Amino acid sequence: MTSWSEWSQGEADRIRSAGQWRAPRDLDLSGVEGKLAPDDREVVQFASNDYLGLTQHPCVIAAAHAALDRWGAGTGAARLVVGSRPLHSELEAELAAWKHSERAVLFPTGFAANLGVLTVLGGLGSLICSDELNHASIIDAGRLARGKVTVFPHRDITKLDQILGEAPSTTRKLVVSDTVFSMDGDVADVGALIDCCAKHGALLVVDEAHAVLGPEFQDSNVVRVGTLSKTLGSLGGFVGAPADIADLIINRARSYIFTTASTPADTAAALAAVRVLRSPEGQELRARLRANIDLLVPHHPSPIIPVFCGDEQRALAASAALLEMGILVPAIRPPTVAPGTSRLRIALSAAHEPAQIVTLRDALIGLGLSLEFPPGNSQ
């Protein structure tokens, strides 16, 4: 019998032989500039999901400090035991108002939020229709839910309409889609999804983790999953939903019931960040992000800009060449993306200076890398 040590080493060797071994790299930074281990190379990073730079906002930092001083480092229990603080309820109310939802429910991460929503709503007797490019948290949640999962082609409303139309009338139907897709940076047609779901009596669940610039919509019947960890610069996830669904999630979602409540510092930071986002300053930060995107790819709908390389080694070589110039852009390759679609994944922020964007653009051009999107990846 193979020992656990032999098995784990064999699995690791298979990953290495496929050229897909990865390990964390420490980056000592504040904002978009820092020093990258192991040689303390000075870099400008274009990889963070801190789209508005709110991790460094003085109001966000001050709120975290104040909460730490008042309530301590942790909550010590799940929300339904003794882990709920006034901050949690205050943040949920602010998030519900922001997302035009009747209620909001906090989770420790966005991954846990998707897990909670789909395992509660996608039980036996349900049909879960999932876009083929949805985030891993949606894929894993669908696997753990006990309903039938059907994957529809990316952004293909016609096929989705067909799938829903062929489902038995007794089936509870659920459609789940990212609004901004994390590896391609393209956007779902939320209006078409809402219309299609209404036609077939399906519930729509959207993951808005990367939707810093939209798509914007108001529909209180849509279940909206979001994160505190990207646009809001903190840590955690949430669900905006009709009150009856929110109550059901609180009472049945295992990733809510059986996990410690978010720390006071994280919760307070997110609350301050939402208030900045909903203020005139937030509008200015989004406008600055929009301008930075237009410097690189005019009219692209999100701050996620893929540079398609196809071949894994080409993507790795391009990433290494940029790093030699002090520009940190990660190479994304299988199994994160499909074979033959390896790419650089650029993530822009309002914290980037225009000159930094121009430097990146010139470096990409110098390496012969195209910012044109191939057929099938229309924006």
Protein backbone atom coordinates (compact mmCIF):
# COMPACT_ATOMS: atom_id res chain seq x y z
CA MET A 1 0.00 0.00 0.00
CA THR A 2 1.31 3.46 -0.90
CA SER A 3 2.01 5.59 2.15
CA TRP A 4 0.55 9.06 2.50
CA SER A 5 4.05 10.52 2.15
CA GLU A 6 4.65 8.62 -1.10
CA TRP A 7 1.25 9.61 -2.44
CA SER A 8 1.64 13.31 -1.66
CA GLN A 9 5.15 13.40 -3.12
CA GLY A 10 3.91 11.66 -6.25
CA GLU A 11 1.11 14.19 -6.65
CA ALA A 12 3.56 17.06 -6.17
CA ASP A 13 5.91 15.54 -8.77
CA ARG A 14 3.04 15.35 -11.26
CA ILE A 15 2.29 19.04 -10.78
CA ARG A 16 5.97 19.91 -11.20
CA SER A 17 6.36 17.74 -14.31
CA ALA A 18 3.36 19.54 -15.86
CA GLY A 19 5.16 22.83 -15.26
CA GLN A 20 2.34 24.05 -13.01
CA TRP A 21 4.01 24.19 -9.58
CA ARG A 22 3.25 27.42 -7.75
CA ALA A 23 4.24 28.98 -4.44
CA PRO A 24 3.48 32.28 -2.69
CA ARG A 25 5.85 35.21 -3.18
CA ASP A 26 6.02 37.71 -0.32
CA LEU A 27 5.39 41.27 -1.48
CA ASP A 28 6.15 44.02 1.00
CA LEU A 29 4.04 46.89 -0.24
CA SER A 30 1.62 49.63 0.65
CA GLY A 31 -0.46 50.55 -2.36
CA VAL A 32 0.79 49.53 -5.79
CA GLU A 33 4.58 49.73 -5.23
CA GLY A 34 6.67 47.42 -3.09
CA LYS A 35 9.52 44.94 -2.78
CA LEU A 36 9.17 41.38 -4.03
CA ALA A 37 10.86 38.43 -2.33
CA PRO A 38 13.33 36.79 -2.42
CA ASP A 39 15.63 39.60 -3.63
CA ASP A 40 13.57 42.66 -2.58
CA ARG A 41 13.14 43.68 -6.21
CA GLU A 42 11.24 46.97 -6.46
CA VAL A 43 8.07 46.49 -8.50
CA VAL A 44 4.84 48.16 -9.49
CA GLN A 45 2.15 45.51 -9.22
CA PHE A 46 -0.76 45.15 -11.62
CA ALA A 47 -2.33 42.13 -9.95
CA SER A 48 -4.29 43.26 -6.90
CA ASN A 49 -8.08 43.38 -6.71
CA ASP A 50 -7.87 46.54 -4.58
CA TYR A 51 -9.58 48.38 -7.42
CA LEU A 52 -10.16 51.70 -5.68
CA GLY A 53 -7.11 51.66 -3.40
CA LEU A 54 -9.32 51.57 -0.31
CA THR A 55 -6.96 49.26 1.60
CA GLN A 56 -4.85 52.38 2.15
CA HIS A 57 -7.63 54.93 2.68
CA PRO A 58 -7.08 56.80 5.97
CA CYS A 59 -10.76 56.55 7.00
CA VAL A 60 -10.77 52.79 6.41
CA ILE A 61 -7.56 52.30 8.38
CA ALA A 62 -8.76 54.54 11.22
CA ALA A 63 -12.05 52.64 11.47
CA ALA A 64 -10.19 49.33 11.75
CA HIS A 65 -7.97 50.75 14.51
CA ALA A 66 -10.94 52.07 16.46
CA ALA A 67 -12.79 48.74 16.25
CA LEU A 68 -9.69 46.85 17.34
CA ASP A 69 -9.34 49.09 20.37
CA ARG A 70 -13.01 48.77 21.33
CA TRP A 71 -13.82 45.11 20.61
CA GLY A 72 -10.44 43.40 20.37
CA ALA A 73 -8.82 41.25 17.71
CA GLY A 74 -11.60 38.71 17.18
CA THR A 75 -15.25 38.01 17.88
CA GLY A 76 -14.70 34.63 19.51
CA ALA A 77 -17.87 32.94 18.25
CA ALA A 78 -20.29 32.50 15.38
CA ARG A 79 -22.91 35.19 14.78
CA LEU A 80 -25.73 33.02 16.14
CA VAL A 81 -23.87 32.37 19.39
CA VAL A 82 -22.19 35.47 20.86
CA GLY A 83 -20.09 36.63 17.88
CA SER A 84 -22.41 39.33 16.53
CA ARG A 85 -21.36 42.91 17.25
CA PRO A 86 -23.27 46.13 16.50
CA LEU A 87 -20.84 46.66 13.62
CA HIS A 88 -22.06 43.54 11.82
CA SER A 89 -25.69 44.68 11.80
CA GLU A 90 -24.67 48.21 10.83
CA LEU A 91 -22.62 46.93 7.90
CA GLU A 92 -25.42 44.62 6.75
CA ALA A 93 -27.84 47.55 6.69
CA GLU A 94 -25.37 49.67 4.70
CA LEU A 95 -24.73 46.85 2.21
CA ALA A 96 -28.46 46.22 1.73
CA ALA A 97 -29.03 49.91 0.99
CA TRP A 98 -26.08 49.98 -1.45
CA LYS A 99 -27.33 46.90 -3.34
CA HIS A 100 -31.06 47.83 -3.22
CA SER A 101 -31.77 44.56 -1.39
CA GLU A 102 -34.23 44.06 1.44
CA ARG A 103 -31.57 42.44 3.59
CA ALA A 104 -27.87 41.59 3.60
CA VAL A 105 -26.08 38.73 5.35
CA LEU A 106 -22.35 38.82 6.15
CA PHE A 107 -19.98 35.89 5.60
CA PRO A 108 -16.28 35.58 6.49
CA THR A 109 -15.31 35.35 2.78
CA GLY A 110 -16.91 35.64 -0.62
CA PHE A 111 -16.18 31.95 -1.16
CA ALA A 112 -18.20 31.12 1.96
CA ALA A 113 -21.03 33.37 0.74
CA ASN A 114 -21.39 31.49 -2.55
CA LEU A 115 -21.14 28.22 -0.68
CA GLY A 116 -23.92 29.27 1.68
CA VAL A 117 -26.26 30.57 -1.01
CA LEU A 118 -26.07 27.65 -3.41
CA THR A 119 -26.17 24.89 -0.82
CA VAL A 120 -29.29 26.44 0.72
CA LEU A 121 -31.11 27.36 -2.49
CA GLY A 122 -29.83 24.58 -4.76
CA GLY A 123 -31.03 21.55 -2.81
CA LEU A 124 -32.74 18.38 -4.01
CA GLY A 125 -35.36 19.01 -6.65
CA SER A 126 -33.67 22.13 -8.01
CA LEU A 127 -31.87 22.88 -11.27
CA ILE A 128 -28.76 25.08 -11.04
CA CYS A 129 -27.80 26.69 -14.36
CA SER A 130 -24.25 28.01 -14.18
CA ASP A 131 -22.21 30.03 -16.70
CA GLU A 132 -19.20 28.01 -17.83
CA LEU A 133 -16.74 30.74 -16.80
CA ASN A 134 -18.10 31.28 -13.29
CA HIS A 135 -15.70 31.60 -10.38
CA ALA A 136 -14.33 28.51 -8.62
CA SER A 137 -16.41 29.30 -5.52
CA ILE A 138 -19.59 28.96 -7.58
CA ILE A 139 -18.36 25.74 -9.18
CA ASP A 140 -17.47 24.18 -5.82
CA ALA A 141 -20.72 25.36 -4.24
CA GLY A 142 -22.65 23.76 -7.07
CA ARG A 143 -20.85 20.49 -6.49
CA LEU A 144 -21.80 20.54 -2.82
CA ALA A 145 -25.41 21.50 -3.46
CA ARG A 146 -27.70 18.53 -4.00
CA GLY A 147 -29.53 19.91 -7.00
CA LYS A 148 -28.77 19.12 -10.63
CA VAL A 149 -26.09 21.40 -12.11
CA THR A 150 -26.20 22.28 -15.81
CA VAL A 151 -23.43 24.43 -17.25
CA PHE A 152 -24.43 26.75 -20.11
CA PRO A 153 -22.01 28.29 -22.65
CA HIS A 154 -20.48 31.58 -21.60
CA ARG A 155 -23.02 34.43 -21.76
CA ASP A 156 -25.27 32.37 -24.05
CA ILE A 157 -28.78 33.55 -23.14
CA THR A 158 -30.35 31.59 -26.01
CA LYS A 159 -28.98 28.30 -24.65
CA LEU A 160 -29.95 29.25 -21.10
CA ASP A 161 -33.49 29.96 -22.29
CA GLN A 162 -33.59 26.52 -23.92
CA ILE A 163 -32.32 24.74 -20.79
CA LEU A 164 -34.85 26.47 -18.55
CA GLY A 165 -37.66 25.86 -21.02
CA GLU A 166 -36.95 22.13 -21.11
CA ALA A 167 -36.91 21.75 -17.32
CA PRO A 168 -39.98 20.11 -15.74
CA SER A 169 -42.50 22.59 -14.38
CA THR A 170 -42.10 21.10 -10.89
CA THR A 171 -38.38 21.93 -10.80
CA ARG A 172 -37.15 24.91 -8.80
CA LYS A 173 -34.87 26.73 -11.23
CA LEU A 174 -31.81 28.74 -10.23
CA VAL A 175 -29.47 30.67 -12.55
CA VAL A 176 -26.06 31.75 -11.27
CA SER A 177 -23.55 33.97 -13.04
CA ASP A 178 -20.67 36.28 -12.33
CA THR A 179 -21.41 39.83 -13.44
CA VAL A 180 -17.74 40.50 -14.22
CA PHE A 181 -15.75 37.38 -15.05
CA SER A 182 -12.54 37.18 -13.08
CA MET A 183 -10.17 35.87 -15.76
CA ASP A 184 -11.59 37.47 -18.92
CA GLY A 185 -12.77 40.80 -17.52
CA ASP A 186 -15.92 40.70 -19.64
CA VAL A 187 -19.43 41.26 -18.28
CA ALA A 188 -22.72 39.40 -18.18
CA ASP A 189 -25.85 40.83 -19.75
CA VAL A 190 -27.65 41.13 -16.43
CA GLY A 191 -30.77 42.62 -17.99
CA ALA A 192 -31.11 39.63 -20.32
CA LEU A 193 -30.52 37.24 -17.42
CA ILE A 194 -33.25 38.94 -15.38
CA ASP A 195 -35.70 38.74 -18.30
CA CYS A 196 -34.88 35.09 -18.99
CA CYS A 197 -35.33 34.14 -15.34
CA ALA A 198 -38.62 36.01 -15.13
CA LYS A 199 -39.89 34.18 -18.21
CA HIS A 200 -39.21 30.77 -16.65
CA GLY A 201 -39.87 31.51 -12.96
CA ALA A 202 -36.18 31.07 -12.12
CA LEU A 203 -34.28 32.76 -9.31
CA LEU A 204 -31.21 34.72 -10.42
CA VAL A 205 -28.04 34.72 -8.30
CA VAL A 206 -25.22 37.02 -9.40
CA ASP A 207 -21.70 37.24 -8.03
CA GLU A 208 -20.60 40.87 -8.13
CA ALA A 209 -17.12 40.38 -6.67
CA HIS A 210 -15.39 42.31 -9.48
CA ALA A 211 -18.22 44.70 -10.42
CA VAL A 212 -16.55 47.91 -9.28
CA LEU A 213 -17.72 49.72 -12.44
CA GLY A 214 -20.94 47.78 -12.93
CA PRO A 215 -23.03 46.50 -14.57
CA GLU A 216 -25.49 48.50 -12.49
CA PHE A 217 -29.06 47.35 -11.96
CA GLN A 218 -31.85 47.53 -9.40
CA ASP A 219 -33.96 44.45 -8.80
CA SER A 220 -34.74 43.47 -5.23
CA ASN A 221 -35.66 39.93 -6.30
CA VAL A 222 -32.12 39.11 -7.48
CA VAL A 223 -29.82 37.44 -4.96
CA ARG A 224 -26.57 39.43 -5.04
CA VAL A 225 -23.35 37.91 -3.74
CA GLY A 226 -20.52 40.33 -3.07
CA THR A 227 -17.17 40.60 -1.41
CA LEU A 228 -15.62 43.01 1.05
CA SER A 229 -12.16 41.91 -0.08
CA LYS A 230 -11.76 43.66 -3.44
CA THR A 231 -13.51 46.96 -4.16
CA LEU A 232 -13.98 47.56 -0.41
CA GLY A 233 -10.38 46.77 0.55
CA SER A 234 -11.20 44.64 3.60
CA LEU A 235 -12.01 40.93 4.07
CA GLY A 236 -15.30 39.06 3.91
CA GLY A 237 -18.34 38.39 1.78
CA PHE A 238 -22.05 39.13 1.82
CA VAL A 239 -25.37 38.24 0.26
CA GLY A 240 -28.04 40.79 -0.60
CA ALA A 241 -31.45 39.16 -0.92
CA PRO A 242 -35.19 39.38 -0.27
CA ALA A 243 -35.89 39.14 3.47
CA ASP A 244 -37.33 35.62 3.34
CA ILE A 245 -34.29 34.26 1.51
CA ALA A 246 -31.91 36.11 3.84
CA ASP A 247 -33.62 34.58 6.87
CA LEU A 248 -33.42 31.12 5.33
CA ILE A 249 -29.70 31.56 4.62
CA ILE A 250 -29.07 32.60 8.23
CA ASN A 251 -30.84 29.49 9.48
CA ARG A 252 -29.53 26.92 7.01
CA ALA A 253 -26.21 28.01 5.51
CA ARG A 254 -23.54 25.92 7.19
CA SER A 255 -20.80 28.34 6.08
CA TYR A 256 -22.66 31.03 8.08
CA ILE A 257 -23.82 29.01 11.09
CA PHE A 258 -20.61 27.13 11.81
CA THR A 259 -17.97 29.82 11.37
CA THR A 260 -16.65 32.58 13.59
CA ALA A 261 -17.99 36.04 12.83
CA SER A 262 -15.78 38.46 10.93
CA THR A 263 -13.26 40.35 13.05
CA PRO A 264 -14.24 43.81 14.33
CA ALA A 265 -11.37 45.42 12.40
CA ASP A 266 -12.35 43.83 9.08
CA THR A 267 -16.02 44.69 9.62
CA ALA A 268 -15.35 48.30 10.57
CA ALA A 269 -12.95 48.74 7.65
CA ALA A 270 -15.59 47.46 5.22
CA LEU A 271 -18.25 49.73 6.72
CA ALA A 272 -16.00 52.78 6.31
CA ALA A 273 -15.14 51.68 2.76
CA VAL A 274 -18.81 51.35 1.72
CA ARG A 275 -19.43 54.86 2.99
CA VAL A 276 -16.47 56.20 1.01
CA LEU A 277 -17.67 54.31 -2.06
CA ARG A 278 -21.17 55.81 -1.80
CA SER A 279 -19.84 59.36 -1.36
CA PRO A 280 -18.67 61.91 -3.95
CA GLU A 281 -15.13 60.73 -3.23
CA GLY A 282 -16.17 57.24 -4.30
CA GLN A 283 -17.45 58.63 -7.59
CA GLU A 284 -14.10 60.35 -8.10
CA LEU A 285 -12.19 57.13 -7.40
CA ARG A 286 -14.31 55.20 -9.90
CA ALA A 287 -13.75 57.94 -12.47
CA ARG A 288 -10.01 57.71 -11.91
CA LEU A 289 -10.14 53.93 -12.34
CA ARG A 290 -12.18 54.38 -15.53
CA ALA A 291 -9.55 56.78 -16.88
CA ASN A 292 -6.74 54.35 -16.05
CA ILE A 293 -8.51 51.54 -17.92
CA ASP A 294 -9.03 53.77 -20.95
CA LEU A 295 -5.30 54.53 -21.05
CA LEU A 296 -4.64 50.85 -21.63
CA VAL A 297 -7.76 49.53 -23.40
CA PRO A 298 -10.33 52.24 -24.17
CA HIS A 299 -13.93 51.33 -23.27
CA HIS A 300 -13.01 47.99 -21.70
CA PRO A 301 -15.80 47.33 -19.16
CA SER A 302 -13.73 46.29 -16.14
CA PRO A 303 -10.32 46.74 -14.51
CA ILE A 304 -9.44 43.11 -15.38
CA ILE A 305 -7.57 43.09 -18.68
CA PRO A 306 -6.34 39.75 -20.04
CA VAL A 307 -3.43 39.64 -22.49
CA PHE A 308 -3.89 36.34 -24.29
CA CYS A 309 -0.73 34.35 -24.97
CA GLY A 310 -2.19 30.90 -25.65
CA ASP A 311 0.90 28.88 -24.81
CA GLU A 312 1.84 28.49 -21.14
CA GLN A 313 5.52 29.08 -21.71
CA ARG A 314 4.84 32.25 -23.67
CA ALA A 315 2.76 33.60 -20.82
CA LEU A 316 5.44 32.72 -18.26
CA ALA A 317 8.17 34.28 -20.41
CA ALA A 318 6.16 37.46 -20.85
CA SER A 319 5.54 37.72 -17.11
CA ALA A 320 9.25 37.19 -16.42
CA ALA A 321 10.24 39.83 -18.99
CA LEU A 322 7.91 42.38 -17.41
CA LEU A 323 9.29 41.57 -13.98
CA GLU A 324 12.78 42.39 -15.23
CA MET A 325 11.39 45.86 -15.97
CA GLY A 326 9.96 46.17 -12.46
CA ILE A 327 6.40 45.38 -13.56
CA LEU A 328 4.57 42.59 -11.75
CA VAL A 329 1.84 40.95 -13.83
CA PRO A 330 1.05 37.28 -13.15
CA ALA A 331 0.84 34.58 -15.81
CA ILE A 332 -2.46 32.71 -15.57
CA ARG A 333 -2.42 29.18 -16.95
CA PRO A 334 -4.07 25.78 -16.52
CA PRO A 335 -5.72 24.63 -14.38
CA THR A 336 -6.95 28.16 -13.60
CA VAL A 337 -7.86 28.68 -17.27
CA ALA A 338 -8.46 26.21 -20.08
CA PRO A 339 -5.49 24.72 -21.98
CA GLY A 340 -4.43 26.94 -24.85
CA THR A 341 -5.78 30.12 -23.21
CA SER A 342 -2.86 31.07 -20.95
CA ARG A 343 -2.62 34.80 -20.44
CA LEU A 344 -1.33 37.70 -18.45
CA ARG A 345 -4.00 39.02 -16.11
CA ILE A 346 -3.69 42.76 -15.59
CA ALA A 347 -5.70 44.28 -12.74
CA LEU A 348 -5.82 48.07 -12.65
CA SER A 349 -6.53 50.32 -9.69
CA ALA A 350 -7.43 53.91 -9.04
CA ALA A 351 -4.21 53.93 -7.01
CA HIS A 352 -2.11 53.57 -10.17
CA GLU A 353 -0.63 56.77 -11.56
CA PRO A 354 -1.27 57.40 -15.26
CA ALA A 355 2.49 57.31 -15.90
CA GLN A 356 2.61 53.78 -14.49
CA ILE A 357 -0.15 52.70 -16.89
CA VAL A 358 1.73 54.22 -19.83
CA THR A 359 4.91 52.39 -18.78
CA LEU A 360 2.99 49.11 -18.68
CA ARG A 361 1.38 49.77 -22.06
CA ASP A 362 4.74 50.56 -23.68
CA ALA A 363 6.32 47.45 -22.15
CA LEU A 364 3.55 45.22 -23.53
CA ILE A 365 3.92 46.74 -26.98
CA GLY A 366 7.70 46.30 -26.78
CA LEU A 367 7.23 42.61 -26.05
CA GLY A 368 4.90 42.23 -29.04
CA LEU A 369 1.88 41.47 -26.87
CA SER A 370 -1.52 42.37 -28.26
CA LEU A 371 -4.30 44.00 -26.28
CA GLU A 372 -6.80 42.98 -28.95
CA PHE A 373 -9.29 40.33 -27.86
CA PRO A 374 -9.61 37.15 -29.95
CA PRO A 375 -12.95 35.99 -31.34
CA GLY A 376 -15.15 34.52 -28.65
CA ASN A 377 -13.89 36.99 -26.04
CA SER A 378 -15.88 40.00 -27.15
CA GLN A 379 -16.43 42.65 -24.55
